[in-house]
Protein backbone atom coordinates (compact mmCIF):
# COMPACT_ATOMS: atom_id res chain seq x y z
CA UNK A 1 24.35 -119.83 266.66
CA UNK A 2 27.14 -122.36 265.91
CA UNK A 3 28.53 -122.95 262.34
CA UNK A 4 26.99 -125.84 260.39
CA UNK A 5 29.15 -128.52 258.63
CA UNK A 6 27.83 -129.69 255.22
CA UNK A 7 29.27 -132.92 253.62
CA UNK A 8 29.64 -133.42 249.84
CA UNK A 9 29.12 -137.11 248.92
CA UNK A 10 30.61 -136.80 245.40
CA UNK A 11 33.91 -135.21 246.32
CA UNK A 12 34.13 -136.37 249.91
CA UNK A 13 34.91 -132.88 251.09
CA UNK A 14 33.32 -130.90 253.80
CA UNK A 15 32.71 -127.23 254.11
CA UNK A 16 31.63 -125.12 257.00
CA UNK A 17 28.79 -122.72 256.44
CA UNK A 18 28.75 -119.38 258.25
CA UNK A 19 26.51 -119.20 261.29
CA UNK A 20 22.99 -117.98 260.69
CA UNK A 21 22.10 -114.64 262.30
CA UNK A 22 20.09 -114.94 265.48
CA UNK A 23 16.45 -113.95 265.50
CA UNK A 24 15.85 -110.46 266.73
CA UNK A 25 13.13 -111.68 269.06
CA UNK A 26 14.99 -114.67 270.51
CA UNK A 27 15.27 -114.93 274.30
CA UNK A 28 17.73 -116.81 276.54
CA UNK A 29 17.08 -118.30 279.94
CA UNK A 30 19.47 -117.87 282.88
CA UNK A 31 21.53 -120.85 281.66
CA UNK A 32 22.19 -119.17 278.31
CA UNK A 33 19.86 -121.48 276.36
CA UNK A 34 17.39 -120.20 273.82
CA UNK A 35 13.78 -120.31 274.90
CA UNK A 36 11.55 -122.66 272.93
CA UNK A 37 8.80 -120.09 272.43
CA UNK A 38 10.24 -116.60 271.91
CA UNK A 39 8.13 -113.66 273.01
CA UNK A 40 6.02 -112.18 270.21
CA UNK A 41 6.81 -108.73 268.93
CA UNK A 42 4.55 -106.05 267.55
CA UNK A 43 1.60 -107.10 269.74
CA UNK A 44 -1.15 -104.45 269.55
CA UNK A 45 -2.33 -102.86 272.76
CA UNK A 46 -5.91 -103.97 272.16
CA UNK A 47 -4.79 -107.58 272.41
CA UNK A 48 -4.19 -107.06 276.14
CA UNK A 49 -7.93 -106.67 276.68
CA UNK A 50 -8.30 -110.37 276.06
CA UNK A 51 -5.89 -111.11 278.92
CA UNK A 52 -7.61 -109.70 282.04
CA UNK A 53 -5.04 -111.24 284.37
CA UNK A 54 -2.50 -108.73 283.09
CA UNK A 55 -4.51 -105.62 283.92
CA UNK A 56 -7.65 -106.47 285.91
CA UNK A 57 -5.98 -107.64 289.14
CA UNK A 58 -3.49 -104.70 289.35
CA UNK A 59 -6.32 -102.26 288.64
CA UNK A 60 -8.54 -103.69 291.36
CA UNK A 61 -5.73 -103.77 293.92
CA UNK A 62 -4.68 -100.19 293.13
CA UNK A 63 -8.25 -98.94 293.41
CA UNK A 64 -8.76 -100.78 296.71
CA UNK A 65 -5.55 -99.36 298.13
CA UNK A 66 -6.52 -95.81 297.10
CA UNK A 67 -9.95 -96.28 298.70
CA UNK A 68 -8.47 -97.49 302.00
CA UNK A 69 -5.96 -94.63 302.09
CA UNK A 70 -8.80 -92.17 301.49
CA UNK A 71 -10.75 -93.59 304.42
CA UNK A 72 -7.76 -93.53 306.75
CA UNK A 73 -6.42 -90.09 305.82
CA UNK A 74 -9.28 -88.02 304.43
CA UNK A 75 -11.83 -89.34 306.94
CA UNK A 76 -10.28 -87.40 309.79
CA UNK A 77 -9.15 -84.31 307.88
CA UNK A 78 -12.32 -83.45 305.93
CA UNK A 79 -14.31 -82.54 309.06
CA UNK A 80 -11.97 -82.47 312.09
CA UNK A 81 -14.57 -80.80 314.32
CA UNK A 82 -16.89 -83.80 314.06
CA UNK A 83 -14.24 -86.27 315.21
CA UNK A 84 -12.61 -83.99 317.79
CA UNK A 85 -12.62 -85.43 321.31
CA UNK A 86 -10.89 -84.22 324.50
CA UNK A 87 -8.33 -81.90 322.89
CA UNK A 88 -5.89 -81.02 325.72
CA UNK A 89 -6.32 -77.33 326.66
CA UNK A 90 -5.07 -75.68 329.83
CA UNK A 91 -7.52 -73.70 331.98
CA UNK A 92 -5.84 -71.15 334.27
CA UNK A 93 -7.81 -69.32 336.93
CA UNK A 94 -5.56 -66.62 338.36
CA UNK A 95 -8.41 -64.54 339.81
CA UNK A 96 -7.55 -63.43 343.34
CA UNK A 97 -10.45 -61.01 343.88
CA UNK A 98 -13.02 -61.32 346.65
CA UNK A 99 -16.49 -62.71 345.84
CA UNK A 100 -19.14 -60.20 344.87
CA UNK A 101 -21.96 -59.35 347.25
CA UNK A 102 -24.22 -62.35 347.79
CA UNK A 103 -21.85 -64.82 346.11
CA UNK A 104 -19.60 -67.45 347.66
CA UNK A 105 -16.96 -67.55 344.90
CA UNK A 106 -15.31 -64.89 342.82
CA UNK A 107 -16.22 -64.56 339.17
CA UNK A 108 -13.07 -66.26 337.88
CA UNK A 109 -13.72 -69.40 339.93
CA UNK A 110 -17.32 -69.53 338.72
CA UNK A 111 -16.24 -69.27 335.09
CA UNK A 112 -13.52 -71.90 335.45
CA UNK A 113 -15.95 -74.32 337.12
CA UNK A 114 -18.59 -73.71 334.46
CA UNK A 115 -16.14 -74.33 331.60
CA UNK A 116 -14.54 -77.42 333.15
CA UNK A 117 -17.88 -79.09 333.95
CA UNK A 118 -19.62 -78.26 330.68
CA UNK A 119 -20.83 -81.60 329.30
CA UNK A 120 -22.49 -80.13 326.20
CA UNK A 121 -19.27 -80.43 324.20
CA UNK A 122 -16.70 -83.23 324.25
CA UNK A 123 -14.24 -81.42 321.96
CA UNK A 124 -12.01 -80.05 324.74
CA UNK A 125 -10.22 -81.85 327.53
CA UNK A 126 -9.75 -79.01 329.99
CA UNK A 127 -6.81 -79.20 332.43
CA UNK A 128 -7.04 -76.80 335.38
CA UNK A 129 -3.45 -75.67 335.99
CA UNK A 130 -1.52 -72.81 337.47
CA UNK A 131 -0.06 -70.19 335.15
CA UNK A 132 3.49 -71.54 335.52
CA UNK A 133 2.42 -75.14 335.03
CA UNK A 134 0.38 -74.21 331.96
CA UNK A 135 3.40 -72.48 330.43
CA UNK A 136 5.54 -75.57 331.06
CA UNK A 137 3.01 -77.80 329.29
CA UNK A 138 2.76 -75.34 326.40
CA UNK A 139 6.53 -75.43 326.02
CA UNK A 140 6.56 -79.25 326.26
CA UNK A 141 3.79 -79.62 323.68
CA UNK A 142 1.42 -81.34 326.11
CA UNK A 143 -1.45 -78.90 325.51
CA UNK A 144 -2.65 -77.20 322.34
CA UNK A 145 -3.57 -73.92 323.98
CA UNK A 146 -4.63 -72.24 327.21
CA UNK A 147 -7.43 -70.05 328.54
CA UNK A 148 -6.16 -67.61 331.19
CA UNK A 149 -8.32 -65.64 333.65
CA UNK A 150 -6.25 -62.76 335.12
CA UNK A 151 -5.80 -61.93 338.79
CA UNK A 152 -7.92 -58.74 338.73
CA UNK A 153 -10.84 -60.25 336.83
CA UNK A 154 -13.45 -60.02 339.62
CA UNK A 155 -12.44 -56.45 340.50
CA UNK A 156 -12.73 -55.41 336.84
CA UNK A 157 -16.20 -56.99 336.59
CA UNK A 158 -17.38 -55.27 339.78
CA UNK A 159 -16.12 -51.90 338.53
CA UNK A 160 -18.33 -52.06 335.45
CA UNK A 161 -21.45 -51.22 337.50
CA UNK A 162 -19.82 -48.13 339.00
CA UNK A 163 -18.52 -44.87 337.67
CA UNK A 164 -14.95 -46.08 338.27
CA UNK A 165 -14.97 -48.46 335.27
CA UNK A 166 -11.98 -47.75 333.06
CA UNK A 167 -11.28 -51.02 331.25
CA UNK A 168 -13.21 -54.10 330.33
CA UNK A 169 -12.35 -57.42 332.00
CA UNK A 170 -10.06 -59.45 329.80
CA UNK A 171 -9.65 -63.20 329.27
CA UNK A 172 -6.56 -64.28 327.33
CA UNK A 173 -6.42 -67.17 324.87
CA UNK A 174 -2.92 -68.60 324.40
CA UNK A 175 -2.08 -70.56 321.26
CA UNK A 176 0.61 -73.17 320.69
CA UNK A 177 1.71 -73.09 317.02
CA UNK A 178 4.41 -75.65 317.82
CA UNK A 179 1.67 -78.30 317.87
CA UNK A 180 0.75 -77.54 314.26
CA UNK A 181 -1.50 -74.94 312.67
CA UNK A 182 -4.58 -77.18 312.67
CA UNK A 183 -4.44 -78.23 316.33
CA UNK A 184 -3.55 -74.75 317.50
CA UNK A 185 -6.40 -73.16 315.54
CA UNK A 186 -8.90 -75.72 316.88
CA UNK A 187 -7.79 -75.04 320.48
CA UNK A 188 -7.98 -71.28 319.89
CA UNK A 189 -11.51 -71.54 318.50
CA UNK A 190 -12.69 -73.70 321.42
CA UNK A 191 -11.12 -71.37 324.01
CA UNK A 192 -12.52 -68.26 322.37
CA UNK A 193 -16.01 -69.76 322.25
CA UNK A 194 -15.82 -70.70 325.93
CA UNK A 195 -14.69 -67.17 326.86
CA UNK A 196 -17.50 -65.58 324.84
CA UNK A 197 -20.09 -67.80 326.49
CA UNK A 198 -18.69 -66.84 329.89
CA UNK A 199 -18.95 -63.17 328.94
CA UNK A 200 -22.62 -63.54 328.04
CA UNK A 201 -23.33 -65.34 331.34
CA UNK A 202 -21.62 -62.55 333.31
CA UNK A 203 -23.54 -59.98 331.27
CA UNK A 204 -26.87 -61.41 332.35
CA UNK A 205 -25.88 -61.10 336.02
CA UNK A 206 -24.61 -57.54 335.60
CA UNK A 207 -27.67 -56.41 333.65
CA UNK A 208 -29.97 -57.82 336.33
CA UNK A 209 -27.93 -56.07 339.05
CA UNK A 210 -28.11 -52.66 337.33
CA UNK A 211 -31.76 -52.07 336.31
CA UNK A 212 -31.31 -48.27 336.19
CA UNK A 213 -28.42 -48.34 333.73
CA UNK A 214 -28.85 -46.37 330.52
CA UNK A 215 -28.71 -47.84 327.01
CA UNK A 216 -24.97 -47.42 326.60
CA UNK A 217 -24.22 -49.06 329.93
CA UNK A 218 -26.59 -51.95 329.23
CA UNK A 219 -24.86 -52.54 325.91
CA UNK A 220 -21.51 -52.74 327.71
CA UNK A 221 -22.88 -54.91 330.52
CA UNK A 222 -24.51 -57.39 328.13
CA UNK A 223 -21.11 -58.55 326.79
CA UNK A 224 -18.53 -57.15 329.21
CA UNK A 225 -15.50 -59.40 328.70
CA UNK A 226 -12.88 -58.73 326.04
CA UNK A 227 -11.14 -61.80 324.61
CA UNK A 228 -7.56 -61.38 323.43
CA UNK A 229 -5.38 -63.94 321.66
CA UNK A 230 -1.64 -64.28 322.20
CA UNK A 231 1.04 -66.79 321.24
CA UNK A 232 1.73 -68.94 324.29
CA UNK A 233 4.77 -70.74 322.91
CA UNK A 234 6.53 -68.86 320.08
CA UNK A 235 8.36 -70.87 317.45
CA UNK A 236 11.29 -69.95 315.22
CA UNK A 237 11.07 -68.25 311.85
CA UNK A 238 12.37 -71.33 310.00
CA UNK A 239 9.94 -73.83 311.51
CA UNK A 240 7.38 -74.04 308.70
CA UNK A 241 4.63 -72.64 310.99
CA UNK A 242 4.89 -75.78 313.07
CA UNK A 243 4.72 -78.15 310.07
CA UNK A 244 8.42 -78.87 309.63
CA UNK A 245 8.12 -82.38 311.09
CA UNK A 246 5.23 -83.22 308.75
CA UNK A 247 7.03 -82.08 305.60
CA UNK A 248 10.27 -83.77 306.68
CA UNK A 249 8.41 -87.06 307.17
CA UNK A 250 6.77 -86.66 303.76
CA UNK A 251 10.19 -86.03 302.20
CA UNK A 252 11.56 -89.22 303.80
CA UNK A 253 8.64 -91.26 302.46
CA UNK A 254 9.11 -89.95 298.92
CA UNK A 255 12.88 -90.41 299.06
CA UNK A 256 12.47 -93.98 300.30
CA UNK A 257 9.93 -94.78 297.59
CA UNK A 258 12.05 -93.38 294.76
CA UNK A 259 15.25 -94.86 296.18
CA UNK A 260 13.67 -98.30 296.45
CA UNK A 261 12.59 -98.18 292.81
CA UNK A 262 16.03 -97.05 291.63
CA UNK A 263 17.79 -99.79 293.61
CA UNK A 264 15.35 -102.46 292.45
CA UNK A 265 15.75 -101.50 288.79
CA UNK A 266 19.52 -101.35 289.16
CA UNK A 267 19.68 -104.83 290.67
CA UNK A 268 17.41 -106.30 287.99
CA UNK A 269 19.47 -104.65 285.26
CA UNK A 270 22.74 -105.80 286.76
CA UNK A 271 21.52 -109.39 286.96
CA UNK A 272 20.16 -109.31 283.41
CA UNK A 273 16.49 -109.54 284.32
CA UNK A 274 15.58 -106.12 282.94
CA UNK A 275 16.73 -103.83 280.15
CA UNK A 276 18.30 -100.51 280.94
CA UNK A 277 17.02 -97.93 278.48
CA UNK A 278 19.55 -95.15 278.01
CA UNK A 279 18.84 -92.80 275.12
CA UNK A 280 18.23 -94.59 271.79
CA UNK A 281 19.98 -97.80 272.94
CA UNK A 282 18.72 -100.53 275.20
CA UNK A 283 21.71 -102.35 276.69
CA UNK A 284 20.87 -105.64 278.36
CA UNK A 285 23.36 -107.60 280.44
CA UNK A 286 23.30 -111.40 280.18
CA UNK A 287 21.74 -113.18 283.15
CA UNK A 288 24.23 -113.83 285.90
CA UNK A 289 24.54 -117.58 286.42
CA UNK A 290 26.10 -117.20 289.84
CA UNK A 291 23.39 -114.98 291.34
CA UNK A 292 20.29 -115.64 289.25
CA UNK A 293 19.15 -118.84 291.01
CA UNK A 294 19.48 -117.10 294.39
CA UNK A 295 17.78 -113.86 293.35
CA UNK A 296 14.65 -114.35 295.44
CA UNK A 297 16.08 -116.74 298.04
């Protein structure tokens, strides 16, 4: 406020009155002029209900955004088995044994063909590879796991019907924790299920070929294959069980979000468009005349 000059007609003198104190609720525009209608103070919160434009539109937009994020993120993570399709898994047939009597292929080849051509499930995308090639793709992260049939598989199966049986045939499931705990566990479950189904199919053939076997032998022949699980591509101790990349990306998103808010508030405060609340005081810089007109240009 500027001082006011008051004239006295009787004496012809003039005196200057002190400037009146500014209103506590007065506001200035970016040119330093007082606004014609200062913002009201002491407005109750219930008065905002009569102004739906202040709260209705932000509420609807926030709810819509949360709904869309739920569909995009939670839709695939709530039931991953339902949406799983052609998960890359290596299928290694290392069986070098001769075919059994009356068969044209050894047991390992029969199992590999049965697994690869199974159209009942679309969850796995089997890749028939050699053992060395499968290891390379495990190391490169191109497959989530591997199912390995060993070289002596047919010989071990044939020995079960004789007195020379010492060990059960074994099929190995290799995991790849470097592809993440979820993908690796899904590949391990699919591979284990395929190996168990192959064991039951072999058991039916062996039981039919040994009608004079006793109860103990029939129990062994009904499910002859042992399934073992091993880590195909070990990862380091400080790798977050394969989730380091996920948590690092999440950290970058949070840091960017918080940093953007801090920078935006700092710019608005520096230009005088926002108050900077520090402790009990609320310092407010005057609007910058040089930068305010170009703030959003």
